[in-house]
Amino acid sequence: MLKIVDSTEQFDELLKIESKFYLLKHSLTCPISHAAYMEFEKYANEHQNFPTYYLAVQESRQLSNEIAEKFHIKHETPQVILFSNGEPLWNASHWKITNRALSTAIGEDK
């Protein structure tokens, strides 16, 4: 199940409590972002034991920018980042966000 993150405090807490998780930066107005969100949601539904979060860029622009700056990952929307032990391990954007790519990134798709 997807959970929304909309504050720096929430995100910082995730980095502390989750050993691995996905975060999707999602635009509420972009059709490409909508397609990525649907793929991300499909992944989340099929892998309910893996933590999946998202932020809506229009509603949490400051957090989105902070993540890009802190982790030196060029901001893109849509963009998904796999965090492991508080650090980004993998990221993809736009049409590269697929259920299969998400599974492959965590080693489930051989």
N, C-alpha and C. Protein backbone atom coordinates (compact mmCIF):
# COMPACT_ATOMS: atom_id res chain seq x y z
N MET A 1 0.83 -1.17 0.00
CA MET A 1 0.00 0.00 0.00
C MET A 1 0.89 1.25 0.00
N LEU A 2 0.55 2.19 -0.84
CA LEU A 2 1.30 3.44 -0.93
C LEU A 2 0.94 4.36 0.23
N LYS A 3 1.96 4.99 0.77
CA LYS A 3 1.76 5.96 1.84
C LYS A 3 2.38 7.27 1.40
N ILE A 4 1.70 8.36 1.71
CA ILE A 4 2.19 9.67 1.32
C ILE A 4 3.17 10.22 2.36
N VAL A 5 4.18 10.91 1.85
CA VAL A 5 5.14 11.62 2.68
C VAL A 5 5.06 13.08 2.26
N ASP A 6 4.81 13.97 3.21
CA ASP A 6 4.67 15.37 2.80
C ASP A 6 5.44 16.35 3.66
N SER A 7 6.36 15.82 4.48
CA SER A 7 7.17 16.75 5.27
C SER A 7 8.59 16.20 5.43
N THR A 8 9.50 17.12 5.67
CA THR A 8 10.89 16.74 5.91
C THR A 8 10.99 15.83 7.13
N GLU A 9 10.20 16.13 8.14
CA GLU A 9 10.23 15.32 9.37
C GLU A 9 9.80 13.89 9.10
N GLN A 10 8.75 13.71 8.33
CA GLN A 10 8.30 12.36 7.96
C GLN A 10 9.38 11.62 7.19
N PHE A 11 9.97 12.30 6.22
CA PHE A 11 11.00 11.67 5.40
C PHE A 11 12.21 11.29 6.24
N ASP A 12 12.66 12.19 7.11
CA ASP A 12 13.81 11.90 7.98
C ASP A 12 13.52 10.70 8.88
N GLU A 13 12.29 10.58 9.33
CA GLU A 13 11.90 9.43 10.16
C GLU A 13 11.96 8.14 9.35
N LEU A 14 11.53 8.20 8.10
CA LEU A 14 11.61 7.02 7.22
C LEU A 14 13.05 6.54 7.08
N LEU A 15 13.95 7.49 6.89
CA LEU A 15 15.36 7.14 6.74
C LEU A 15 15.88 6.41 7.98
N LYS A 16 15.33 6.73 9.13
CA LYS A 16 15.75 6.09 10.38
C LYS A 16 15.11 4.72 10.59
N ILE A 17 13.83 4.59 10.26
CA ILE A 17 13.11 3.36 10.63
C ILE A 17 13.04 2.30 9.54
N GLU A 18 13.17 2.70 8.28
CA GLU A 18 13.07 1.73 7.18
C GLU A 18 14.47 1.39 6.68
N SER A 19 14.81 0.11 6.66
CA SER A 19 16.13 -0.25 6.13
C SER A 19 16.17 -0.10 4.61
N LYS A 20 15.03 -0.37 3.95
CA LYS A 20 14.91 -0.21 2.49
C LYS A 20 13.50 0.24 2.18
N PHE A 21 13.38 1.19 1.26
CA PHE A 21 12.06 1.62 0.82
C PHE A 21 12.16 2.36 -0.51
N TYR A 22 11.03 2.42 -1.20
CA TYR A 22 10.92 3.20 -2.42
C TYR A 22 10.19 4.51 -2.13
N LEU A 23 10.64 5.57 -2.81
CA LEU A 23 9.95 6.85 -2.77
C LEU A 23 9.73 7.32 -4.20
N LEU A 24 8.49 7.62 -4.53
CA LEU A 24 8.14 8.14 -5.84
C LEU A 24 7.86 9.63 -5.73
N LYS A 25 8.53 10.43 -6.55
CA LYS A 25 8.21 11.85 -6.68
C LYS A 25 7.22 11.94 -7.84
N HIS A 26 6.03 12.39 -7.53
CA HIS A 26 4.91 12.31 -8.46
C HIS A 26 4.31 13.69 -8.73
N SER A 27 4.07 13.98 -10.00
CA SER A 27 3.38 15.21 -10.39
C SER A 27 1.89 14.91 -10.55
N LEU A 28 1.07 15.73 -9.96
CA LEU A 28 -0.38 15.52 -10.03
C LEU A 28 -0.99 15.93 -11.37
N THR A 29 -0.21 16.59 -12.23
CA THR A 29 -0.76 17.11 -13.48
C THR A 29 -0.15 16.50 -14.74
N CYS A 30 0.87 15.69 -14.61
CA CYS A 30 1.59 15.16 -15.77
C CYS A 30 1.11 13.76 -16.14
N PRO A 31 0.75 13.53 -17.40
CA PRO A 31 0.29 12.20 -17.82
C PRO A 31 1.38 11.13 -17.71
N ILE A 32 2.63 11.50 -17.94
CA ILE A 32 3.72 10.53 -17.79
C ILE A 32 3.86 10.14 -16.32
N SER A 33 3.72 11.12 -15.44
CA SER A 33 3.79 10.84 -14.01
C SER A 33 2.61 9.96 -13.59
N HIS A 34 1.46 10.17 -14.17
CA HIS A 34 0.31 9.33 -13.86
C HIS A 34 0.58 7.87 -14.24
N ALA A 35 1.17 7.67 -15.41
CA ALA A 35 1.51 6.31 -15.86
C ALA A 35 2.52 5.67 -14.90
N ALA A 36 3.51 6.45 -14.48
CA ALA A 36 4.52 5.94 -13.53
C ALA A 36 3.86 5.61 -12.20
N TYR A 37 2.95 6.47 -11.76
CA TYR A 37 2.23 6.21 -10.50
C TYR A 37 1.47 4.90 -10.58
N MET A 38 0.83 4.65 -11.72
CA MET A 38 0.07 3.40 -11.89
C MET A 38 1.00 2.18 -11.82
N GLU A 39 2.18 2.27 -12.42
CA GLU A 39 3.15 1.18 -12.34
C GLU A 39 3.64 1.00 -10.89
N PHE A 40 3.89 2.11 -10.22
CA PHE A 40 4.35 2.08 -8.84
C PHE A 40 3.28 1.48 -7.93
N GLU A 41 2.04 1.86 -8.17
CA GLU A 41 0.93 1.33 -7.39
C GLU A 41 0.77 -0.18 -7.62
N LYS A 42 0.92 -0.60 -8.87
CA LYS A 42 0.86 -2.03 -9.19
C LYS A 42 1.95 -2.78 -8.43
N TYR A 43 3.16 -2.24 -8.45
CA TYR A 43 4.26 -2.86 -7.71
C TYR A 43 3.92 -2.94 -6.22
N ALA A 44 3.44 -1.84 -5.66
CA ALA A 44 3.12 -1.79 -4.23
C ALA A 44 2.05 -2.82 -3.87
N ASN A 45 1.06 -2.98 -4.72
CA ASN A 45 0.00 -3.95 -4.45
C ASN A 45 0.51 -5.39 -4.53
N GLU A 46 1.45 -5.64 -5.41
CA GLU A 46 2.00 -6.99 -5.57
C GLU A 46 3.10 -7.30 -4.55
N HIS A 47 3.66 -6.28 -3.92
CA HIS A 47 4.76 -6.45 -2.97
C HIS A 47 4.43 -5.70 -1.67
N GLN A 48 3.36 -6.09 -1.05
CA GLN A 48 2.87 -5.35 0.11
C GLN A 48 3.82 -5.40 1.30
N ASN A 49 4.78 -6.31 1.27
CA ASN A 49 5.75 -6.39 2.36
C ASN A 49 6.92 -5.42 2.16
N PHE A 50 6.98 -4.77 0.99
CA PHE A 50 8.07 -3.82 0.73
C PHE A 50 7.53 -2.39 0.88
N PRO A 51 8.15 -1.57 1.71
CA PRO A 51 7.65 -0.21 1.96
C PRO A 51 7.70 0.69 0.72
N THR A 52 6.58 1.30 0.40
CA THR A 52 6.47 2.18 -0.76
C THR A 52 5.80 3.49 -0.34
N TYR A 53 6.45 4.58 -0.69
CA TYR A 53 5.97 5.91 -0.33
C TYR A 53 6.00 6.80 -1.56
N TYR A 54 5.24 7.88 -1.49
CA TYR A 54 5.29 8.85 -2.58
C TYR A 54 5.08 10.24 -2.01
N LEU A 55 5.51 11.21 -2.80
CA LEU A 55 5.20 12.60 -2.48
C LEU A 55 4.66 13.25 -3.74
N ALA A 56 3.70 14.13 -3.55
CA ALA A 56 3.14 14.92 -4.65
C ALA A 56 3.97 16.19 -4.74
N VAL A 57 4.66 16.36 -5.82
CA VAL A 57 5.61 17.46 -5.96
C VAL A 57 4.92 18.82 -5.77
N GLN A 58 3.73 18.99 -6.32
CA GLN A 58 3.05 20.28 -6.18
C GLN A 58 2.72 20.59 -4.73
N GLU A 59 2.52 19.58 -3.92
CA GLU A 59 2.15 19.79 -2.52
C GLU A 59 3.36 19.76 -1.58
N SER A 60 4.46 19.20 -2.04
CA SER A 60 5.65 19.04 -1.19
C SER A 60 6.92 19.40 -1.95
N ARG A 61 6.85 20.51 -2.65
CA ARG A 61 8.00 20.92 -3.48
C ARG A 61 9.27 21.11 -2.65
N GLN A 62 9.15 21.69 -1.46
CA GLN A 62 10.33 21.90 -0.63
C GLN A 62 10.99 20.57 -0.28
N LEU A 63 10.21 19.58 0.10
CA LEU A 63 10.77 18.27 0.42
C LEU A 63 11.41 17.64 -0.81
N SER A 64 10.75 17.73 -1.94
CA SER A 64 11.30 17.19 -3.18
C SER A 64 12.66 17.81 -3.49
N ASN A 65 12.74 19.14 -3.36
CA ASN A 65 14.00 19.83 -3.62
C ASN A 65 15.07 19.46 -2.60
N GLU A 66 14.68 19.30 -1.34
CA GLU A 66 15.64 18.92 -0.29
C GLU A 66 16.24 17.54 -0.57
N ILE A 67 15.41 16.61 -1.02
CA ILE A 67 15.90 15.26 -1.34
C ILE A 67 16.90 15.32 -2.49
N ALA A 68 16.56 16.07 -3.53
CA ALA A 68 17.47 16.20 -4.67
C ALA A 68 18.81 16.79 -4.23
N GLU A 69 18.75 17.82 -3.42
CA GLU A 69 19.96 18.50 -2.98
C GLU A 69 20.79 17.63 -2.02
N LYS A 70 20.13 17.06 -1.04
CA LYS A 70 20.83 16.27 -0.02
C LYS A 70 21.53 15.05 -0.60
N PHE A 71 20.87 14.39 -1.57
CA PHE A 71 21.41 13.14 -2.09
C PHE A 71 22.05 13.29 -3.47
N HIS A 72 22.13 14.53 -3.96
CA HIS A 72 22.79 14.82 -5.24
C HIS A 72 22.18 14.00 -6.38
N ILE A 73 20.85 13.97 -6.41
CA ILE A 73 20.12 13.29 -7.48
C ILE A 73 19.32 14.36 -8.21
N LYS A 74 19.64 14.57 -9.46
CA LYS A 74 18.94 15.58 -10.25
C LYS A 74 17.43 15.35 -10.16
N HIS A 75 16.69 16.39 -9.84
CA HIS A 75 15.24 16.29 -9.72
C HIS A 75 14.60 16.02 -11.07
N GLU A 76 13.75 15.02 -11.08
CA GLU A 76 12.91 14.74 -12.25
C GLU A 76 11.54 14.33 -11.72
N THR A 77 10.54 14.51 -12.55
CA THR A 77 9.20 14.09 -12.19
C THR A 77 8.56 13.45 -13.41
N PRO A 78 8.15 12.22 -13.30
CA PRO A 78 8.20 11.36 -12.12
C PRO A 78 9.61 10.80 -11.91
N GLN A 79 9.86 10.42 -10.68
CA GLN A 79 11.15 9.83 -10.33
C GLN A 79 10.94 8.91 -9.14
N VAL A 80 11.53 7.73 -9.21
CA VAL A 80 11.47 6.81 -8.07
C VAL A 80 12.90 6.57 -7.58
N ILE A 81 13.05 6.55 -6.26
CA ILE A 81 14.36 6.33 -5.65
C ILE A 81 14.24 5.18 -4.66
N LEU A 82 15.17 4.24 -4.77
CA LEU A 82 15.27 3.15 -3.80
C LEU A 82 16.29 3.57 -2.76
N PHE A 83 15.85 3.67 -1.51
CA PHE A 83 16.73 4.00 -0.40
C PHE A 83 17.08 2.73 0.36
N SER A 84 18.33 2.62 0.73
CA SER A 84 18.81 1.50 1.54
C SER A 84 19.74 2.05 2.61
N ASN A 85 19.44 1.74 3.86
CA ASN A 85 20.23 2.22 4.98
C ASN A 85 20.48 3.73 4.93
N GLY A 86 19.44 4.47 4.58
CA GLY A 86 19.51 5.92 4.61
C GLY A 86 20.15 6.58 3.41
N GLU A 87 20.52 5.79 2.41
CA GLU A 87 21.18 6.34 1.22
C GLU A 87 20.47 5.86 -0.05
N PRO A 88 20.50 6.68 -1.11
CA PRO A 88 19.91 6.23 -2.37
C PRO A 88 20.76 5.13 -2.99
N LEU A 89 20.10 4.08 -3.41
CA LEU A 89 20.78 2.94 -4.01
C LEU A 89 20.55 2.88 -5.52
N TRP A 90 19.39 3.35 -5.95
CA TRP A 90 18.99 3.25 -7.36
C TRP A 90 17.90 4.29 -7.59
N ASN A 91 17.83 4.80 -8.82
CA ASN A 91 16.71 5.68 -9.17
C ASN A 91 16.40 5.57 -10.65
N ALA A 92 15.19 5.91 -10.99
CA ALA A 92 14.74 5.90 -12.38
C ALA A 92 13.70 7.01 -12.55
N SER A 93 13.51 7.41 -13.79
CA SER A 93 12.52 8.45 -14.05
C SER A 93 11.72 8.14 -15.30
N HIS A 94 10.64 8.86 -15.42
CA HIS A 94 9.75 8.82 -16.57
C HIS A 94 9.35 7.40 -16.95
N TRP A 95 9.53 7.04 -18.22
CA TRP A 95 9.05 5.74 -18.72
C TRP A 95 9.87 4.56 -18.19
N LYS A 96 10.98 4.83 -17.52
CA LYS A 96 11.79 3.75 -16.95
C LYS A 96 11.22 3.23 -15.64
N ILE A 97 10.17 3.88 -15.14
CA ILE A 97 9.51 3.43 -13.92
C ILE A 97 8.46 2.39 -14.31
N THR A 98 8.84 1.13 -14.15
CA THR A 98 7.92 0.04 -14.45
C THR A 98 7.93 -0.96 -13.30
N ASN A 99 6.88 -1.74 -13.24
CA ASN A 99 6.79 -2.79 -12.22
C ASN A 99 8.02 -3.69 -12.30
N ARG A 100 8.40 -4.07 -13.50
CA ARG A 100 9.56 -4.95 -13.68
C ARG A 100 10.86 -4.28 -13.21
N ALA A 101 11.06 -3.01 -13.57
CA ALA A 101 12.27 -2.30 -13.14
C ALA A 101 12.35 -2.20 -11.63
N LEU A 102 11.21 -1.96 -10.97
CA LEU A 102 11.18 -1.88 -9.51
C LEU A 102 11.53 -3.23 -8.89
N SER A 103 11.01 -4.30 -9.46
CA SER A 103 11.32 -5.64 -8.97
C SER A 103 12.79 -5.97 -9.19
N THR A 104 13.31 -5.63 -10.34
CA THR A 104 14.72 -5.90 -10.66
C THR A 104 15.65 -5.14 -9.71
N ALA A 105 15.32 -3.90 -9.41
CA ALA A 105 16.18 -3.07 -8.57
C ALA A 105 16.38 -3.65 -7.17
N ILE A 106 15.38 -4.36 -6.67
CA ILE A 106 15.55 -4.96 -5.33
C ILE A 106 15.90 -6.44 -5.41
N GLY A 107 16.18 -6.91 -6.63
CA GLY A 107 16.68 -8.27 -6.81
C GLY A 107 15.62 -9.34 -6.82
N GLU A 108 14.35 -8.97 -7.03
CA GLU A 108 13.28 -9.97 -7.06
C GLU A 108 13.06 -10.55 -8.46
N ASP A 109 13.49 -9.84 -9.46
CA ASP A 109 13.26 -10.28 -10.85
C ASP A 109 14.58 -10.77 -11.42
N LYS A 110 14.74 -12.04 -11.51
CA LYS A 110 15.98 -12.63 -12.00
C LYS A 110 15.89 -12.94 -13.48
